[in-house]
């Protein structure tokens, strides 16, 4: 399959984004939702900032305080044996095995482009943590346009867990908060862009704690807010590129052969690739075909090296004729874009 990576890649890097917080640095601008509005390509960027630490043995972590509406900075010394600092993204309590803090705070900012290649990033957040479900940040947005409304939903992270929250906008200036639509532990939600047989559908990725693995489910709704009739859709495949974890990626694309979903899959070494699955147009709980090999794998230097290397991770794509323009995060650091043919993707599925 022919893949065209933009010559300008990466399109946006941390150096292109000014920190919003004083004495912070931007460590990631990645995993963006994408849509079109008023003739422009809009990226809803995940921007990750962390406090600058003058002492290399001290890790500073930001936490949103719902009472003061400001950030509290918590400091940890790397010599503290109660915590594991081996993952640059998290601080994990050894006793529980679960992360207690994130080393950066993520929020959402807008970037606009006339040509889809060159973007201007707004200086202030578009969506910022605002409640107890978001005290550790908001991550990995997707954007589904239904009629004249853009629904933006994202992972809300706090000590209560990771769930999926949603806002909506008609003009990318004012937003309406709808609260959490999938409770913890859940993420990687993608909402189909139209009703199917009178119902809305969404893919989501629960994270079982007692038994089971992080795999993709499908749910339905009458109003986009209350979701039910949850069904397992597809899972990990042993000895394949997606045997570690999987999750929905871009908003499903309607084709004449079915709903094409570009999803991410990681192996047990945390190498993230993008693949595809085809769902029935009238019954999206029915799988028609799936990628045996990845559509896109981390190969370019900017995909292999970064804050968390060997990662390509898409939250959104645009379609122009037979061409898919997939915007994707690279190495948890920057944003890139690649183009490929819908027909070639469909023909590659088994």
C-alpha atoms as a PDB file:
ATOM      1  CA  UNK A   1       0.000   0.000   0.000  1.00  0.00           C
ATOM      2  CA  UNK A   2       1.279   3.461  -0.908  1.00  0.00           C
ATOM      3  CA  UNK A   3       1.768   5.821   2.045  1.00  0.00           C
ATOM      4  CA  UNK A   4       2.636   9.483   1.530  1.00  0.00           C
ATOM      5  CA  UNK A   5       4.074  11.118   4.631  1.00  0.00           C
ATOM      6  CA  UNK A   6       3.978  14.902   4.338  1.00  0.00           C
ATOM      7  CA  UNK A   7       7.333  16.424   3.510  1.00  0.00           C
ATOM      8  CA  UNK A   8       6.747  18.988   6.267  1.00  0.00           C
ATOM      9  CA  UNK A   9       6.428  16.269   8.932  1.00  0.00           C
ATOM     10  CA  UNK A  10       6.356  16.709  11.797  1.00  0.00           C
ATOM     11  CA  UNK A  11       3.808  19.482  11.186  1.00  0.00           C
ATOM     12  CA  UNK A  12       3.871  20.745  14.773  1.00  0.00           C
ATOM     13  CA  UNK A  13       6.434  20.094  17.501  1.00  0.00           C
ATOM     14  CA  UNK A  14       6.766  21.315  21.105  1.00  0.00           C
ATOM     15  CA  UNK A  15       9.023  24.102  19.812  1.00  0.00           C
ATOM     16  CA  UNK A  16       6.063  25.494  17.832  1.00  0.00           C
ATOM     17  CA  UNK A  17       3.855  25.938  20.890  1.00  0.00           C
ATOM     18  CA  UNK A  18       4.346  28.524  23.615  1.00  0.00           C
ATOM     19  CA  UNK A  19       3.775  27.264  27.174  1.00  0.00           C
ATOM     20  CA  UNK A  20       0.531  28.499  28.666  1.00  0.00           C
ATOM     21  CA  UNK A  21       1.844  28.207  32.241  1.00  0.00           C
ATOM     22  CA  UNK A  22       4.706  30.243  33.646  1.00  0.00           C
ATOM     23  CA  UNK A  23       7.881  28.235  34.359  1.00  0.00           C
ATOM     24  CA  UNK A  24       6.573  25.276  32.338  1.00  0.00           C
ATOM     25  CA  UNK A  25       7.835  23.667  29.160  1.00  0.00           C
ATOM     26  CA  UNK A  26       5.826  22.043  26.377  1.00  0.00           C
ATOM     27  CA  UNK A  27       6.877  18.401  26.034  1.00  0.00           C
ATOM     28  CA  UNK A  28       4.196  17.222  23.641  1.00  0.00           C
ATOM     29  CA  UNK A  29       1.757  18.483  21.014  1.00  0.00           C
ATOM     30  CA  UNK A  30       0.129  15.348  19.636  1.00  0.00           C
ATOM     31  CA  UNK A  31      -2.921  13.052  19.291  1.00  0.00           C
ATOM     32  CA  UNK A  32      -5.185  15.698  17.770  1.00  0.00           C
ATOM     33  CA  UNK A  33      -8.835  15.462  16.833  1.00  0.00           C
ATOM     34  CA  UNK A  34      -9.420  16.890  13.359  1.00  0.00           C
ATOM     35  CA  UNK A  35     -12.296  18.461  11.447  1.00  0.00           C
ATOM     36  CA  UNK A  36     -13.041  21.184   8.917  1.00  0.00           C
ATOM     37  CA  UNK A  37     -14.738  24.495   9.699  1.00  0.00           C
ATOM     38  CA  UNK A  38     -15.221  27.613   7.570  1.00  0.00           C
ATOM     39  CA  UNK A  39     -12.784  26.401   4.930  1.00  0.00           C
ATOM     40  CA  UNK A  40     -10.037  25.601   7.414  1.00  0.00           C
ATOM     41  CA  UNK A  41      -8.577  22.397   8.798  1.00  0.00           C
ATOM     42  CA  UNK A  42      -8.966  22.463  12.571  1.00  0.00           C
ATOM     43  CA  UNK A  43      -6.734  20.405  14.840  1.00  0.00           C
ATOM     44  CA  UNK A  44      -7.884  20.031  18.434  1.00  0.00           C
ATOM     45  CA  UNK A  45      -4.418  19.474  19.860  1.00  0.00           C
ATOM     46  CA  UNK A  46      -3.446  17.653  22.984  1.00  0.00           C
ATOM     47  CA  UNK A  47      -0.770  19.884  24.512  1.00  0.00           C
ATOM     48  CA  UNK A  48       1.277  18.462  27.391  1.00  0.00           C
ATOM     49  CA  UNK A  49       3.204  20.852  29.644  1.00  0.00           C
ATOM     50  CA  UNK A  50       5.366  20.095  32.662  1.00  0.00           C
ATOM     51  CA  UNK A  51       6.933  22.274  35.364  1.00  0.00           C
ATOM     52  CA  UNK A  52      10.606  23.013  34.850  1.00  0.00           C
ATOM     53  CA  UNK A  53      12.743  21.437  37.575  1.00  0.00           C
ATOM     54  CA  UNK A  54      16.126  23.007  38.293  1.00  0.00           C
ATOM     55  CA  UNK A  55      17.184  19.886  40.202  1.00  0.00           C
ATOM     56  CA  UNK A  56      17.593  16.753  38.030  1.00  0.00           C
ATOM     57  CA  UNK A  57      16.782  14.577  41.051  1.00  0.00           C
ATOM     58  CA  UNK A  58      13.456  16.297  41.677  1.00  0.00           C
ATOM     59  CA  UNK A  59      10.348  15.611  39.587  1.00  0.00           C
ATOM     60  CA  UNK A  60       7.626  18.244  39.715  1.00  0.00           C
ATOM     61  CA  UNK A  61       4.060  17.224  38.879  1.00  0.00           C
ATOM     62  CA  UNK A  62       1.098  19.528  38.157  1.00  0.00           C
ATOM     63  CA  UNK A  63      -2.373  18.908  39.607  1.00  0.00           C
ATOM     64  CA  UNK A  64      -5.446  21.027  38.897  1.00  0.00           C
ATOM     65  CA  UNK A  65      -7.033  22.292  42.140  1.00  0.00           C
ATOM     66  CA  UNK A  66     -10.814  22.505  41.698  1.00  0.00           C
ATOM     67  CA  UNK A  67     -11.149  24.872  44.667  1.00  0.00           C
ATOM     68  CA  UNK A  68      -8.564  27.469  43.681  1.00  0.00           C
ATOM     69  CA  UNK A  69      -8.918  26.804  39.916  1.00  0.00           C
ATOM     70  CA  UNK A  70      -5.129  26.871  39.723  1.00  0.00           C
ATOM     71  CA  UNK A  71      -2.379  24.286  39.504  1.00  0.00           C
ATOM     72  CA  UNK A  72      -0.704  22.802  42.561  1.00  0.00           C
ATOM     73  CA  UNK A  73       2.877  21.629  42.031  1.00  0.00           C
ATOM     74  CA  UNK A  74       3.812  18.433  43.885  1.00  0.00           C
ATOM     75  CA  UNK A  75       7.493  17.519  44.156  1.00  0.00           C
ATOM     76  CA  UNK A  76       9.038  14.050  44.325  1.00  0.00           C
ATOM     77  CA  UNK A  77      12.642  13.066  44.893  1.00  0.00           C
ATOM     78  CA  UNK A  78      13.881  10.304  42.598  1.00  0.00           C
ATOM     79  CA  UNK A  79      15.512   8.622  45.596  1.00  0.00           C
ATOM     80  CA  UNK A  80      12.093   7.977  47.172  1.00  0.00           C
ATOM     81  CA  UNK A  81      11.841   4.189  46.993  1.00  0.00           C
ATOM     82  CA  UNK A  82       8.064   4.215  47.361  1.00  0.00           C
ATOM     83  CA  UNK A  83       7.711   5.385  43.774  1.00  0.00           C
ATOM     84  CA  UNK A  84       8.757   4.139  40.346  1.00  0.00           C
ATOM     85  CA  UNK A  85      10.051   6.862  38.000  1.00  0.00           C
ATOM     86  CA  UNK A  86      11.093   4.574  35.121  1.00  0.00           C
ATOM     87  CA  UNK A  87       8.281   5.775  32.816  1.00  0.00           C
ATOM     88  CA  UNK A  88       8.901   9.418  31.912  1.00  0.00           C
ATOM     89  CA  UNK A  89       5.149  10.009  31.706  1.00  0.00           C
ATOM     90  CA  UNK A  90       4.075   8.821  35.159  1.00  0.00           C
ATOM     91  CA  UNK A  91       4.975   8.468  38.826  1.00  0.00           C
ATOM     92  CA  UNK A  92       3.808   5.069  40.004  1.00  0.00           C
ATOM     93  CA  UNK A  93       3.313   3.946  43.586  1.00  0.00           C
ATOM     94  CA  UNK A  94       5.155   0.619  43.834  1.00  0.00           C
ATOM     95  CA  UNK A  95       2.760  -0.752  46.435  1.00  0.00           C
ATOM     96  CA  UNK A  96      -0.296  -0.477  44.191  1.00  0.00           C
ATOM     97  CA  UNK A  97       1.326  -0.668  40.749  1.00  0.00           C
ATOM     98  CA  UNK A  98      -0.934   2.167  39.591  1.00  0.00           C
ATOM     99  CA  UNK A  99       0.280   5.620  38.638  1.00  0.00           C
ATOM    100  CA  UNK A 100      -0.397   8.306  41.216  1.00  0.00           C
ATOM    101  CA  UNK A 101       0.641  11.352  39.211  1.00  0.00           C
ATOM    102  CA  UNK A 102       1.457  12.379  35.668  1.00  0.00           C
ATOM    103  CA  UNK A 103       4.666  14.296  35.021  1.00  0.00           C
ATOM    104  CA  UNK A 104       2.815  16.707  32.722  1.00  0.00           C
ATOM    105  CA  UNK A 105      -0.635  18.255  32.434  1.00  0.00           C
ATOM    106  CA  UNK A 106      -2.491  17.889  29.145  1.00  0.00           C
ATOM    107  CA  UNK A 107      -5.213  20.208  27.868  1.00  0.00           C
ATOM    108  CA  UNK A 108      -6.632  21.062  24.431  1.00  0.00           C
ATOM    109  CA  UNK A 109      -5.633  23.885  22.094  1.00  0.00           C
ATOM    110  CA  UNK A 110      -6.749  24.752  18.563  1.00  0.00           C
ATOM    111  CA  UNK A 111      -4.568  24.942  15.469  1.00  0.00           C
ATOM    112  CA  UNK A 112      -5.885  26.227  12.132  1.00  0.00           C
ATOM    113  CA  UNK A 113      -4.698  25.777   8.551  1.00  0.00           C
ATOM    114  CA  UNK A 114      -5.826  26.793   5.065  1.00  0.00           C
ATOM    115  CA  UNK A 115      -3.876  24.015   3.338  1.00  0.00           C
ATOM    116  CA  UNK A 116      -3.722  21.223   5.936  1.00  0.00           C
ATOM    117  CA  UNK A 117       0.082  21.422   6.004  1.00  0.00           C
ATOM    118  CA  UNK A 118       0.935  24.699   7.762  1.00  0.00           C
ATOM    119  CA  UNK A 119      -0.806  25.444  11.049  1.00  0.00           C
ATOM    120  CA  UNK A 120      -1.159  28.404  13.376  1.00  0.00           C
ATOM    121  CA  UNK A 121      -1.599  27.433  17.025  1.00  0.00           C
ATOM    122  CA  UNK A 122      -3.728  29.555  19.338  1.00  0.00           C
ATOM    123  CA  UNK A 123      -1.928  30.856  22.421  1.00  0.00           C
ATOM    124  CA  UNK A 124      -4.564  29.901  25.002  1.00  0.00           C
ATOM    125  CA  UNK A 125      -6.386  26.663  25.809  1.00  0.00           C
ATOM    126  CA  UNK A 126      -9.638  25.820  24.065  1.00  0.00           C
ATOM    127  CA  UNK A 127     -10.626  23.201  26.655  1.00  0.00           C
ATOM    128  CA  UNK A 128      -8.903  23.158  30.035  1.00  0.00           C
ATOM    129  CA  UNK A 129      -9.408  20.996  33.166  1.00  0.00           C
ATOM    130  CA  UNK A 130     -12.396  22.269  35.134  1.00  0.00           C
ATOM    131  CA  UNK A 131     -13.692  19.583  37.518  1.00  0.00           C
ATOM    132  CA  UNK A 132     -12.725  16.666  39.766  1.00  0.00           C
ATOM    133  CA  UNK A 133     -12.671  14.229  36.836  1.00  0.00           C
ATOM    134  CA  UNK A 134      -9.927  16.234  35.085  1.00  0.00           C
ATOM    135  CA  UNK A 135      -7.440  17.129  37.840  1.00  0.00           C
ATOM    136  CA  UNK A 136      -4.588  15.258  36.107  1.00  0.00           C
ATOM    137  CA  UNK A 137      -5.473  16.522  32.643  1.00  0.00           C
ATOM    138  CA  UNK A 138      -7.526  15.896  29.509  1.00  0.00           C
ATOM    139  CA  UNK A 139      -6.150  13.850  26.632  1.00  0.00           C
ATOM    140  CA  UNK A 140      -6.591  12.406  23.131  1.00  0.00           C
ATOM    141  CA  UNK A 141      -9.629  14.264  21.742  1.00  0.00           C
ATOM    142  CA  UNK A 142     -11.797  13.153  18.848  1.00  0.00           C
ATOM    143  CA  UNK A 143     -14.241  15.350  16.924  1.00  0.00           C
ATOM    144  CA  UNK A 144     -17.501  14.134  15.391  1.00  0.00           C
ATOM    145  CA  UNK A 145     -19.590  16.566  13.366  1.00  0.00           C
ATOM    146  CA  UNK A 146     -23.327  15.865  13.361  1.00  0.00           C
ATOM    147  CA  UNK A 147     -25.422  18.404  11.431  1.00  0.00           C
ATOM    148  CA  UNK A 148     -24.157  21.837  12.581  1.00  0.00           C
ATOM    149  CA  UNK A 149     -22.632  20.699  15.874  1.00  0.00           C
ATOM    150  CA  UNK A 150     -19.108  19.506  16.594  1.00  0.00           C
ATOM    151  CA  UNK A 151     -18.895  17.014  19.454  1.00  0.00           C
ATOM    152  CA  UNK A 152     -15.458  16.900  21.073  1.00  0.00           C
ATOM    153  CA  UNK A 153     -14.794  14.101  23.530  1.00  0.00           C
ATOM    154  CA  UNK A 154     -11.619  13.218  25.365  1.00  0.00           C
ATOM    155  CA  UNK A 155     -10.043  11.181  28.158  1.00  0.00           C
ATOM    156  CA  UNK A 156     -10.547  12.848  31.532  1.00  0.00           C
ATOM    157  CA  UNK A 157      -7.815  11.826  33.984  1.00  0.00           C
ATOM    158  CA  UNK A 158      -7.897  12.060  37.781  1.00  0.00           C
ATOM    159  CA  UNK A 159      -7.210   9.894  40.854  1.00  0.00           C
ATOM    160  CA  UNK A 160     -10.790   8.667  40.321  1.00  0.00           C
ATOM    161  CA  UNK A 161      -9.682   6.986  37.093  1.00  0.00           C
ATOM    162  CA  UNK A 162      -9.749   7.680  33.368  1.00  0.00           C
ATOM    163  CA  UNK A 163     -13.143   8.193  31.721  1.00  0.00           C
ATOM    164  CA  UNK A 164     -14.484   9.905  28.621  1.00  0.00           C
ATOM    165  CA  UNK A 165     -16.029  13.381  28.808  1.00  0.00           C
ATOM    166  CA  UNK A 166     -17.674  15.433  26.080  1.00  0.00           C
ATOM    167  CA  UNK A 167     -18.280  19.046  25.091  1.00  0.00           C
ATOM    168  CA  UNK A 168     -19.884  20.502  21.980  1.00  0.00           C
ATOM    169  CA  UNK A 169     -19.474  23.647  19.911  1.00  0.00           C
ATOM    170  CA  UNK A 170     -20.961  25.199  16.806  1.00  0.00           C
ATOM    171  CA  UNK A 171     -18.305  27.866  16.214  1.00  0.00           C
ATOM    172  CA  UNK A 172     -15.096  26.779  17.989  1.00  0.00           C
ATOM    173  CA  UNK A 173     -15.463  29.782  20.275  1.00  0.00           C
ATOM    174  CA  UNK A 174     -18.091  28.803  22.835  1.00  0.00           C
ATOM    175  CA  UNK A 175     -18.443  25.296  24.253  1.00  0.00           C
ATOM    176  CA  UNK A 176     -21.145  23.415  26.135  1.00  0.00           C
ATOM    177  CA  UNK A 177     -20.078  20.801  28.696  1.00  0.00           C
ATOM    178  CA  UNK A 178     -22.015  17.524  28.717  1.00  0.00           C
ATOM    179  CA  UNK A 179     -20.091  15.703  31.453  1.00  0.00           C
ATOM    180  CA  UNK A 180     -18.700  12.175  31.448  1.00  0.00           C
ATOM    181  CA  UNK A 181     -20.281   9.859  28.887  1.00  0.00           C
ATOM    182  CA  UNK A 182     -18.203   6.740  29.684  1.00  0.00           C
ATOM    183  CA  UNK A 183     -17.126   6.250  33.286  1.00  0.00           C
ATOM    184  CA  UNK A 184     -13.711   4.900  34.388  1.00  0.00           C
ATOM    185  CA  UNK A 185     -11.905   2.899  33.369  1.00  0.00           C
ATOM    186  CA  UNK A 186     -12.533   3.738  29.731  1.00  0.00           C
ATOM    187  CA  UNK A 187     -11.015   5.699  26.851  1.00  0.00           C
ATOM    188  CA  UNK A 188     -10.431   5.719  23.064  1.00  0.00           C
ATOM    189  CA  UNK A 189     -14.043   6.598  22.281  1.00  0.00           C
ATOM    190  CA  UNK A 190     -15.076   7.353  18.694  1.00  0.00           C
ATOM    191  CA  UNK A 191     -18.644   8.354  17.805  1.00  0.00           C
ATOM    192  CA  UNK A 192     -20.037   7.563  14.362  1.00  0.00           C
ATOM    193  CA  UNK A 193     -20.938  10.696  12.358  1.00  0.00           C
ATOM    194  CA  UNK A 194     -24.578   9.784  11.710  1.00  0.00           C
ATOM    195  CA  UNK A 195     -27.406   7.698  13.094  1.00  0.00           C
ATOM    196  CA  UNK A 196     -27.654   4.098  11.929  1.00  0.00           C
ATOM    197  CA  UNK A 197     -31.199   2.712  11.930  1.00  0.00           C
ATOM    198  CA  UNK A 198     -32.249   5.519  14.270  1.00  0.00           C
ATOM    199  CA  UNK A 199     -29.434   5.108  16.796  1.00  0.00           C
ATOM    200  CA  UNK A 200     -26.045   6.674  17.460  1.00  0.00           C
ATOM    201  CA  UNK A 201     -23.108   4.294  17.835  1.00  0.00           C
ATOM    202  CA  UNK A 202     -19.740   4.651  19.547  1.00  0.00           C
ATOM    203  CA  UNK A 203     -16.654   2.519  19.902  1.00  0.00           C
ATOM    204  CA  UNK A 204     -14.984   2.509  23.318  1.00  0.00           C
ATOM    205  CA  UNK A 205     -12.192   0.721  25.140  1.00  0.00           C
ATOM    206  CA  UNK A 206     -12.856  -0.451  28.719  1.00  0.00           C
ATOM    207  CA  UNK A 207      -9.834  -1.512  30.787  1.00  0.00           C
ATOM    208  CA  UNK A 208     -10.767  -4.550  32.894  1.00  0.00           C
ATOM    209  CA  UNK A 209      -8.942  -4.888  36.222  1.00  0.00           C
ATOM    210  CA  UNK A 210      -9.995  -8.364  37.391  1.00  0.00           C
ATOM    211  CA  UNK A 211     -10.016 -10.346  34.156  1.00  0.00           C
ATOM    212  CA  UNK A 212      -9.873  -9.579  30.457  1.00  0.00           C
ATOM    213  CA  UNK A 213      -7.765  -7.197  28.361  1.00  0.00           C
ATOM    214  CA  UNK A 214      -8.100  -3.653  26.970  1.00  0.00           C
ATOM    215  CA  UNK A 215     -10.160  -4.345  23.832  1.00  0.00           C
ATOM    216  CA  UNK A 216     -12.762  -2.565  21.696  1.00  0.00           C
ATOM    217  CA  UNK A 217     -16.491  -2.527  22.481  1.00  0.00           C
ATOM    218  CA  UNK A 218     -19.454  -0.881  20.763  1.00  0.00           C
ATOM    219  CA  UNK A 219     -22.406   0.894  22.367  1.00  0.00           C
ATOM    220  CA  UNK A 220     -25.539   2.679  21.199  1.00  0.00           C
ATOM    221  CA  UNK A 221     -27.439   5.786  22.276  1.00  0.00           C
ATOM    222  CA  UNK A 222     -30.578   7.779  21.568  1.00  0.00           C
ATOM    223  CA  UNK A 223     -29.064  11.153  22.512  1.00  0.00           C
ATOM    224  CA  UNK A 224     -25.218  10.906  22.519  1.00  0.00           C
ATOM    225  CA  UNK A 225     -25.207  11.221  26.324  1.00  0.00           C
ATOM    226  CA  UNK A 226     -26.555   7.927  27.680  1.00  0.00           C
ATOM    227  CA  UNK A 227     -24.962   4.816  26.217  1.00  0.00           C
ATOM    228  CA  UNK A 228     -26.123   1.226  26.510  1.00  0.00           C
ATOM    229  CA  UNK A 229     -26.400  -2.204  24.854  1.00  0.00           C
ATOM    230  CA  UNK A 230     -22.609  -2.541  25.189  1.00  0.00           C
ATOM    231  CA  UNK A 231     -21.154  -5.365  23.118  1.00  0.00           C
ATOM    232  CA  UNK A 232     -17.626  -6.683  22.678  1.00  0.00           C
ATOM    233  CA  UNK A 233     -16.494  -5.918  19.122  1.00  0.00           C
ATOM    234  CA  UNK A 234     -12.876  -6.975  18.525  1.00  0.00           C
ATOM    235  CA  UNK A 235      -9.842  -7.869  20.567  1.00  0.00           C
ATOM    236  CA  UNK A 236      -6.139  -8.606  20.773  1.00  0.00           C
ATOM    237  CA  UNK A 237      -4.520 -11.119  18.442  1.00  0.00           C
ATOM    238  CA  UNK A 238      -1.726 -13.281  19.815  1.00  0.00           C
ATOM    239  CA  UNK A 239       1.538 -13.310  17.836  1.00  0.00           C
ATOM    240  CA  UNK A 240       0.430 -10.326  15.747  1.00  0.00           C
ATOM    241  CA  UNK A 241       1.251  -6.606  15.673  1.00  0.00           C
ATOM    242  CA  UNK A 242      -1.724  -5.777  17.934  1.00  0.00           C
ATOM    243  CA  UNK A 243      -1.261  -8.367  20.697  1.00  0.00           C
ATOM    244  CA  UNK A 244      -0.614  -5.886  23.540  1.00  0.00           C
ATOM    245  CA  UNK A 245      -3.430  -3.344  23.510  1.00  0.00           C
ATOM    246  CA  UNK A 246      -5.799  -1.818  20.983  1.00  0.00           C
ATOM    247  CA  UNK A 247      -8.203   1.096  20.811  1.00  0.00           C
ATOM    248  CA  UNK A 248     -10.317   3.015  18.339  1.00  0.00           C
ATOM    249  CA  UNK A 249      -8.533   5.846  16.549  1.00  0.00           C
ATOM    250  CA  UNK A 250     -10.172   8.104  13.974  1.00  0.00           C
ATOM    251  CA  UNK A 251     -13.894   8.743  13.677  1.00  0.00           C
ATOM    252  CA  UNK A 252     -15.329   5.946  11.480  1.00  0.00           C
ATOM    253  CA  UNK A 253     -15.328   6.704   7.746  1.00  0.00           C
ATOM    254  CA  UNK A 254     -18.368   5.759   5.647  1.00  0.00           C
ATOM    255  CA  UNK A 255     -17.455   3.917   2.434  1.00  0.00           C
ATOM    256  CA  UNK A 256     -19.537   1.990  -0.099  1.00  0.00           C
ATOM    257  CA  UNK A 257     -18.218  -1.257   1.423  1.00  0.00           C
ATOM    258  CA  UNK A 258     -18.827  -0.426   5.088  1.00  0.00           C
ATOM    259  CA  UNK A 259     -17.661   1.711   7.995  1.00  0.00           C
ATOM    260  CA  UNK A 260     -13.875   1.947   7.905  1.00  0.00           C
ATOM    261  CA  UNK A 261     -12.323   2.385  11.339  1.00  0.00           C
ATOM    262  CA  UNK A 262      -8.631   3.271  11.632  1.00  0.00           C
ATOM    263  CA  UNK A 263      -7.527   1.890  14.999  1.00  0.00           C
ATOM    264  CA  UNK A 264      -4.291   1.759  16.936  1.00  0.00           C
ATOM    265  CA  UNK A 265      -2.654  -1.403  18.130  1.00  0.00           C
ATOM    266  CA  UNK A 266       0.425  -1.957  20.231  1.00  0.00           C
ATOM    267  CA  UNK A 267       2.485  -5.071  20.686  1.00  0.00           C
ATOM    268  CA  UNK A 268       3.777  -6.248  24.040  1.00  0.00           C
ATOM    269  CA  UNK A 269       6.860  -4.019  23.610  1.00  0.00           C
ATOM    270  CA  UNK A 270       4.599  -0.916  23.363  1.00  0.00           C
ATOM    271  CA  UNK A 271       5.256  -0.346  19.661  1.00  0.00           C
ATOM    272  CA  UNK A 272       2.133   1.451  18.422  1.00  0.00           C
ATOM    273  CA  UNK A 273       0.922   1.054  14.820  1.00  0.00           C
ATOM    274  CA  UNK A 274      -2.257   1.951  12.931  1.00  0.00           C
ATOM    275  CA  UNK A 275      -4.502  -0.658  11.342  1.00  0.00           C
ATOM    276  CA  UNK A 276      -8.069  -0.838  10.053  1.00  0.00           C
ATOM    277  CA  UNK A 277     -11.279  -2.756  10.540  1.00  0.00           C
ATOM    278  CA  UNK A 278     -14.390  -2.745   8.337  1.00  0.00           C
ATOM    279  CA  UNK A 279     -17.871  -2.792   9.883  1.00  0.00           C
ATOM    280  CA  UNK A 280     -21.235  -3.392   8.230  1.00  0.00           C
ATOM    281  CA  UNK A 281     -22.999  -0.198   7.115  1.00  0.00           C
ATOM    282  CA  UNK A 282     -26.377  -1.160   8.574  1.00  0.00           C
ATOM    283  CA  UNK A 283     -25.119  -3.184  11.533  1.00  0.00           C
ATOM    284  CA  UNK A 284     -21.776  -1.851  12.848  1.00  0.00           C
ATOM    285  CA  UNK A 285     -21.630  -4.648  15.431  1.00  0.00           C
ATOM    286  CA  UNK A 286     -20.793  -6.952  12.502  1.00  0.00           C
ATOM    287  CA  UNK A 287     -17.128  -7.186  11.420  1.00  0.00           C
ATOM    288  CA  UNK A 288     -16.495  -7.660   7.700  1.00  0.00           C
ATOM    289  CA  UNK A 289     -12.680  -7.528   7.513  1.00  0.00           C
ATOM    290  CA  UNK A 290      -9.548  -6.490   9.426  1.00  0.00           C
ATOM    291  CA  UNK A 291      -5.880  -5.618   8.855  1.00  0.00           C
ATOM    292  CA  UNK A 292      -3.451  -8.499   9.059  1.00  0.00           C
ATOM    293  CA  UNK A 293      -0.560  -6.053   8.788  1.00  0.00           C
ATOM    294  CA  UNK A 294      -0.395  -2.424   9.985  1.00  0.00           C
ATOM    295  CA  UNK A 295      -1.333   0.376   7.615  1.00  0.00           C
ATOM    296  CA  UNK A 296       1.221   2.662   9.226  1.00  0.00           C
ATOM    297  CA  UNK A 297       4.136   1.687  11.472  1.00  0.00           C
ATOM    298  CA  UNK A 298       6.707   3.874  13.247  1.00  0.00           C
ATOM    299  CA  UNK A 299       9.583   4.063  10.779  1.00  0.00           C
ATOM    300  CA  UNK A 300      10.486   7.726  10.232  1.00  0.00           C
ATOM    301  CA  UNK A 301      12.928   9.203  12.790  1.00  0.00           C
ATOM    302  CA  UNK A 302      10.249  11.508  14.245  1.00  0.00           C
ATOM    303  CA  UNK A 303       8.007   8.449  14.790  1.00  0.00           C
ATOM    304  CA  UNK A 304      10.721   6.340  16.405  1.00  0.00           C
ATOM    305  CA  UNK A 305      12.382   8.888  18.697  1.00  0.00           C
ATOM    306  CA  UNK A 306      10.680  11.206  21.177  1.00  0.00           C
ATOM    307  CA  UNK A 307       9.095  11.511  24.594  1.00  0.00           C
ATOM    308  CA  UNK A 308       7.762   7.940  24.237  1.00  0.00           C
ATOM    309  CA  UNK A 309       9.233   6.410  21.093  1.00  0.00           C
ATOM    310  CA  UNK A 310       7.955   3.973  18.467  1.00  0.00           C
ATOM    311  CA  UNK A 311       4.435   5.387  18.430  1.00  0.00           C
ATOM    312  CA  UNK A 312       2.042   6.391  15.658  1.00  0.00           C
ATOM    313  CA  UNK A 313      -1.378   7.189  17.123  1.00  0.00           C
ATOM    314  CA  UNK A 314      -4.270   8.817  15.247  1.00  0.00           C
ATOM    315  CA  UNK A 315      -7.339  10.518  16.696  1.00  0.00           C
ATOM    316  CA  UNK A 316      -8.691  11.860  13.422  1.00  0.00           C
ATOM    317  CA  UNK A 317      -8.659  11.873   9.635  1.00  0.00           C
ATOM    318  CA  UNK A 318     -10.176  13.834   6.759  1.00  0.00           C
ATOM    319  CA  UNK A 319     -11.440  12.349   3.507  1.00  0.00           C
ATOM    320  CA  UNK A 320     -11.090  13.933   0.075  1.00  0.00           C
ATOM    321  CA  UNK A 321     -12.360  11.653  -2.677  1.00  0.00           C
ATOM    322  CA  UNK A 322     -10.430   8.395  -2.423  1.00  0.00           C
ATOM    323  CA  UNK A 323      -7.754   9.980  -0.215  1.00  0.00           C
ATOM    324  CA  UNK A 324      -7.564   9.654   3.562  1.00  0.00           C
ATOM    325  CA  UNK A 325      -5.559  12.395   5.262  1.00  0.00           C
ATOM    326  CA  UNK A 326      -4.701  10.855   8.624  1.00  0.00           C
ATOM    327  CA  UNK A 327      -3.283  13.206  11.245  1.00  0.00           C
ATOM    328  CA  UNK A 328      -1.416  11.338  13.933  1.00  0.00           C
ATOM    329  CA  UNK A 329       0.728  11.775  17.005  1.00  0.00           C
ATOM    330  CA  UNK A 330       4.335  10.631  16.760  1.00  0.00           C
ATOM    331  CA  UNK A 331       6.386   9.369  19.710  1.00  0.00           C
ATOM    332  CA  UNK A 332       4.000  11.189  22.106  1.00  0.00           C
ATOM    333  CA  UNK A 333       5.795  14.359  20.996  1.00  0.00           C
ATOM    334  CA  UNK A 334       4.611  15.893  17.723  1.00  0.00           C
ATOM    335  CA  UNK A 335       1.924  15.881  15.018  1.00  0.00           C
ATOM    336  CA  UNK A 336       2.348  14.439  11.532  1.00  0.00           C
ATOM    337  CA  UNK A 337       0.099  13.571   8.602  1.00  0.00           C
ATOM    338  CA  UNK A 338       0.041  10.790   6.039  1.00  0.00           C
ATOM    339  CA  UNK A 339      -2.151  10.198   2.993  1.00  0.00           C
ATOM    340  CA  UNK A 340      -3.301   6.899   1.526  1.00  0.00           C
ATOM    341  CA  UNK A 341      -6.055   5.485  -0.665  1.00  0.00           C
ATOM    342  CA  UNK A 342      -9.364   4.274   0.768  1.00  0.00           C
ATOM    343  CA  UNK A 343      -9.551   1.641  -1.988  1.00  0.00           C
ATOM    344  CA  UNK A 344      -6.051   0.363  -1.212  1.00  0.00           C
ATOM    345  CA  UNK A 345      -6.876   0.132   2.504  1.00  0.00           C
ATOM    346  CA  UNK A 346     -10.113  -1.741   1.803  1.00  0.00           C
ATOM    347  CA  UNK A 347      -8.382  -4.099  -0.625  1.00  0.00           C
ATOM    348  CA  UNK A 348      -5.699  -4.877   1.983  1.00  0.00           C
ATOM    349  CA  UNK A 349      -8.210  -6.108   4.598  1.00  0.00           C
ATOM    350  CA  UNK A 350      -8.867  -9.813   5.108  1.00  0.00           C
END
